[in-house]
Amino acid sequence: MRSFLQTAFMMSCSHAYEAWQYMVSKGYYPLEPADLAITTKIGTMHQVVPEDQEKIQAMMMKYEGQNPIAG
């Protein structure tokens, strides 16, 4: 079941991308380069996600007992 759902998800993503490409080629979605200042500003709003277990555990301990949804 998991494999089926993974395949269905990937196919869905692929179809959505193909539909987007078609609409761009027909002019429904005009493209222009993103402003570097804005993309940099957005990029600095997010923290890097730790990729190794030691860092993940350290972050978990840092916020232990806090409600992550409460803001």
N, C-alpha and C. Protein backbone atom coordinates (compact mmCIF):
# COMPACT_ATOMS: atom_id res chain seq x y z
N MET A 1 0.83 -1.19 0.00
CA MET A 1 0.00 0.00 0.00
C MET A 1 0.87 1.25 0.00
N ARG A 2 1.94 1.22 0.82
CA ARG A 2 2.83 2.38 0.90
C ARG A 2 3.47 2.66 -0.46
N SER A 3 3.93 1.62 -1.10
CA SER A 3 4.57 1.78 -2.40
C SER A 3 3.59 2.35 -3.43
N PHE A 4 2.36 1.86 -3.40
CA PHE A 4 1.33 2.37 -4.31
C PHE A 4 1.10 3.86 -4.07
N LEU A 5 0.99 4.25 -2.80
CA LEU A 5 0.74 5.66 -2.49
C LEU A 5 1.92 6.54 -2.87
N GLN A 6 3.14 6.04 -2.68
CA GLN A 6 4.32 6.80 -3.10
C GLN A 6 4.31 7.01 -4.61
N THR A 7 4.01 5.96 -5.34
CA THR A 7 3.98 6.06 -6.80
C THR A 7 2.87 7.02 -7.24
N ALA A 8 1.71 6.90 -6.61
CA ALA A 8 0.59 7.79 -6.97
C ALA A 8 0.95 9.25 -6.69
N PHE A 9 1.63 9.50 -5.58
CA PHE A 9 2.04 10.86 -5.24
C PHE A 9 3.02 11.41 -6.28
N MET A 10 4.02 10.60 -6.63
CA MET A 10 5.01 11.05 -7.61
C MET A 10 4.37 11.30 -8.97
N MET A 11 3.44 10.44 -9.35
CA MET A 11 2.75 10.64 -10.63
C MET A 11 1.91 11.90 -10.59
N SER A 12 1.25 12.15 -9.47
CA SER A 12 0.44 13.35 -9.31
C SER A 12 1.30 14.61 -9.43
N CYS A 13 2.47 14.58 -8.77
CA CYS A 13 3.39 15.71 -8.86
C CYS A 13 3.84 15.94 -10.29
N SER A 14 4.15 14.86 -10.97
CA SER A 14 4.60 14.94 -12.35
C SER A 14 3.51 15.51 -13.25
N HIS A 15 2.29 15.04 -13.07
CA HIS A 15 1.18 15.55 -13.89
C HIS A 15 0.92 17.02 -13.62
N ALA A 16 1.00 17.42 -12.36
CA ALA A 16 0.80 18.83 -12.02
C ALA A 16 1.87 19.70 -12.68
N TYR A 17 3.11 19.23 -12.66
CA TYR A 17 4.20 19.98 -13.30
C TYR A 17 4.00 20.06 -14.80
N GLU A 18 3.58 18.97 -15.41
CA GLU A 18 3.33 18.98 -16.85
C GLU A 18 2.19 19.95 -17.20
N ALA A 19 1.14 19.98 -16.39
CA ALA A 19 0.03 20.91 -16.63
C ALA A 19 0.52 22.35 -16.50
N TRP A 20 1.37 22.61 -15.50
CA TRP A 20 1.92 23.95 -15.31
C TRP A 20 2.76 24.36 -16.52
N GLN A 21 3.62 23.44 -16.99
CA GLN A 21 4.45 23.73 -18.16
C GLN A 21 3.58 24.05 -19.38
N TYR A 22 2.51 23.30 -19.56
CA TYR A 22 1.62 23.54 -20.70
C TYR A 22 1.00 24.94 -20.58
N MET A 23 0.53 25.29 -19.39
CA MET A 23 -0.10 26.60 -19.21
C MET A 23 0.90 27.73 -19.39
N VAL A 24 2.14 27.54 -18.97
CA VAL A 24 3.18 28.55 -19.20
C VAL A 24 3.42 28.71 -20.69
N SER A 25 3.50 27.59 -21.41
CA SER A 25 3.77 27.65 -22.85
C SER A 25 2.64 28.36 -23.60
N LYS A 26 1.43 28.32 -23.07
CA LYS A 26 0.28 28.99 -23.70
C LYS A 26 0.12 30.43 -23.23
N GLY A 27 0.97 30.86 -22.27
CA GLY A 27 0.92 32.25 -21.80
C GLY A 27 -0.04 32.50 -20.65
N TYR A 28 -0.59 31.44 -20.05
CA TYR A 28 -1.51 31.63 -18.93
C TYR A 28 -0.79 32.08 -17.67
N TYR A 29 0.48 31.71 -17.53
CA TYR A 29 1.31 32.08 -16.38
C TYR A 29 2.58 32.76 -16.87
N PRO A 30 2.58 34.09 -16.94
CA PRO A 30 3.80 34.77 -17.37
C PRO A 30 4.89 34.60 -16.31
N LEU A 31 6.10 34.32 -16.76
CA LEU A 31 7.21 34.11 -15.85
C LEU A 31 8.13 35.31 -15.85
N GLU A 32 8.68 35.62 -14.68
CA GLU A 32 9.71 36.64 -14.58
C GLU A 32 10.64 36.23 -13.44
N PRO A 33 11.89 36.62 -13.50
CA PRO A 33 12.83 36.23 -12.46
C PRO A 33 12.42 36.83 -11.10
N ALA A 34 12.66 36.06 -10.05
CA ALA A 34 12.36 36.54 -8.70
C ALA A 34 13.38 37.59 -8.30
N ASP A 35 12.93 38.59 -7.57
CA ASP A 35 13.80 39.64 -7.07
C ASP A 35 14.75 39.05 -6.02
N LEU A 36 16.05 39.23 -6.19
CA LEU A 36 17.05 38.64 -5.31
C LEU A 36 16.90 39.14 -3.87
N ALA A 37 16.57 40.39 -3.68
CA ALA A 37 16.42 40.93 -2.33
C ALA A 37 15.27 40.26 -1.60
N ILE A 38 14.17 40.01 -2.31
CA ILE A 38 13.00 39.38 -1.68
C ILE A 38 13.29 37.92 -1.37
N THR A 39 13.91 37.20 -2.29
CA THR A 39 14.22 35.79 -2.03
C THR A 39 15.22 35.65 -0.89
N THR A 40 16.16 36.56 -0.79
CA THR A 40 17.12 36.54 0.32
C THR A 40 16.41 36.81 1.64
N LYS A 41 15.50 37.78 1.64
CA LYS A 41 14.74 38.11 2.85
C LYS A 41 13.92 36.91 3.32
N ILE A 42 13.25 36.24 2.39
CA ILE A 42 12.45 35.07 2.74
C ILE A 42 13.35 33.94 3.24
N GLY A 43 14.50 33.77 2.60
CA GLY A 43 15.42 32.72 3.00
C GLY A 43 15.97 32.90 4.40
N THR A 44 16.13 34.14 4.84
CA THR A 44 16.65 34.39 6.19
C THR A 44 15.58 34.22 7.26
N MET A 45 14.34 34.08 6.88
CA MET A 45 13.25 33.92 7.85
C MET A 45 13.19 32.50 8.41
N HIS A 46 13.85 31.57 7.77
CA HIS A 46 13.76 30.16 8.15
C HIS A 46 15.08 29.67 8.71
N GLN A 47 14.99 28.78 9.69
CA GLN A 47 16.18 28.18 10.26
C GLN A 47 16.54 26.92 9.49
N VAL A 48 17.81 26.56 9.53
CA VAL A 48 18.27 25.34 8.90
C VAL A 48 17.81 24.16 9.75
N VAL A 49 17.29 23.14 9.10
CA VAL A 49 16.84 21.94 9.80
C VAL A 49 18.04 21.03 10.03
N PRO A 50 18.30 20.65 11.28
CA PRO A 50 19.45 19.77 11.53
C PRO A 50 19.22 18.40 10.89
N GLU A 51 20.29 17.83 10.33
CA GLU A 51 20.15 16.57 9.60
C GLU A 51 20.67 15.36 10.36
N ASP A 52 21.36 15.56 11.45
CA ASP A 52 21.85 14.38 12.16
C ASP A 52 21.16 14.25 13.52
N GLN A 53 21.07 13.04 14.01
CA GLN A 53 20.31 12.74 15.22
C GLN A 53 20.81 13.52 16.44
N GLU A 54 22.10 13.71 16.54
CA GLU A 54 22.64 14.43 17.70
C GLU A 54 22.09 15.85 17.75
N LYS A 55 22.09 16.53 16.62
CA LYS A 55 21.56 17.89 16.58
C LYS A 55 20.05 17.91 16.80
N ILE A 56 19.36 16.94 16.24
CA ILE A 56 17.91 16.86 16.43
C ILE A 56 17.58 16.68 17.91
N GLN A 57 18.30 15.77 18.58
CA GLN A 57 18.06 15.54 20.01
C GLN A 57 18.38 16.80 20.82
N ALA A 58 19.44 17.51 20.46
CA ALA A 58 19.79 18.75 21.16
C ALA A 58 18.68 19.78 21.03
N MET A 59 18.11 19.90 19.84
CA MET A 59 17.01 20.84 19.63
C MET A 59 15.77 20.42 20.41
N MET A 60 15.51 19.12 20.45
CA MET A 60 14.35 18.61 21.20
C MET A 60 14.50 18.93 22.68
N MET A 61 15.71 18.76 23.21
CA MET A 61 15.96 19.03 24.62
C MET A 61 15.83 20.53 24.92
N LYS A 62 16.24 21.35 23.97
CA LYS A 62 16.17 22.81 24.15
C LYS A 62 14.72 23.27 24.36
N TYR A 63 13.79 22.65 23.65
CA TYR A 63 12.39 23.06 23.71
C TYR A 63 11.50 22.07 24.46
N GLU A 64 12.10 21.21 25.27
CA GLU A 64 11.33 20.19 25.99
C GLU A 64 10.29 20.84 26.91
N GLY A 65 9.09 20.33 26.86
CA GLY A 65 8.01 20.83 27.72
C GLY A 65 7.27 22.02 27.16
N GLN A 66 7.74 22.57 26.04
CA GLN A 66 7.07 23.72 25.44
C GLN A 66 6.09 23.25 24.37
N ASN A 67 5.05 23.99 24.17
CA ASN A 67 4.08 23.66 23.14
C ASN A 67 4.52 24.32 21.83
N PRO A 68 4.95 23.55 20.83
CA PRO A 68 5.43 24.14 19.58
C PRO A 68 4.34 24.84 18.78
N ILE A 69 3.08 24.54 19.07
CA ILE A 69 1.98 25.13 18.31
C ILE A 69 1.51 26.43 18.93
N ALA A 70 1.81 26.64 20.21
CA ALA A 70 1.31 27.81 20.93
C ALA A 70 1.92 29.10 20.42
N GLY A 71 3.02 29.03 19.69
CA GLY A 71 3.63 30.22 19.15
C GLY A 71 4.60 30.80 20.10
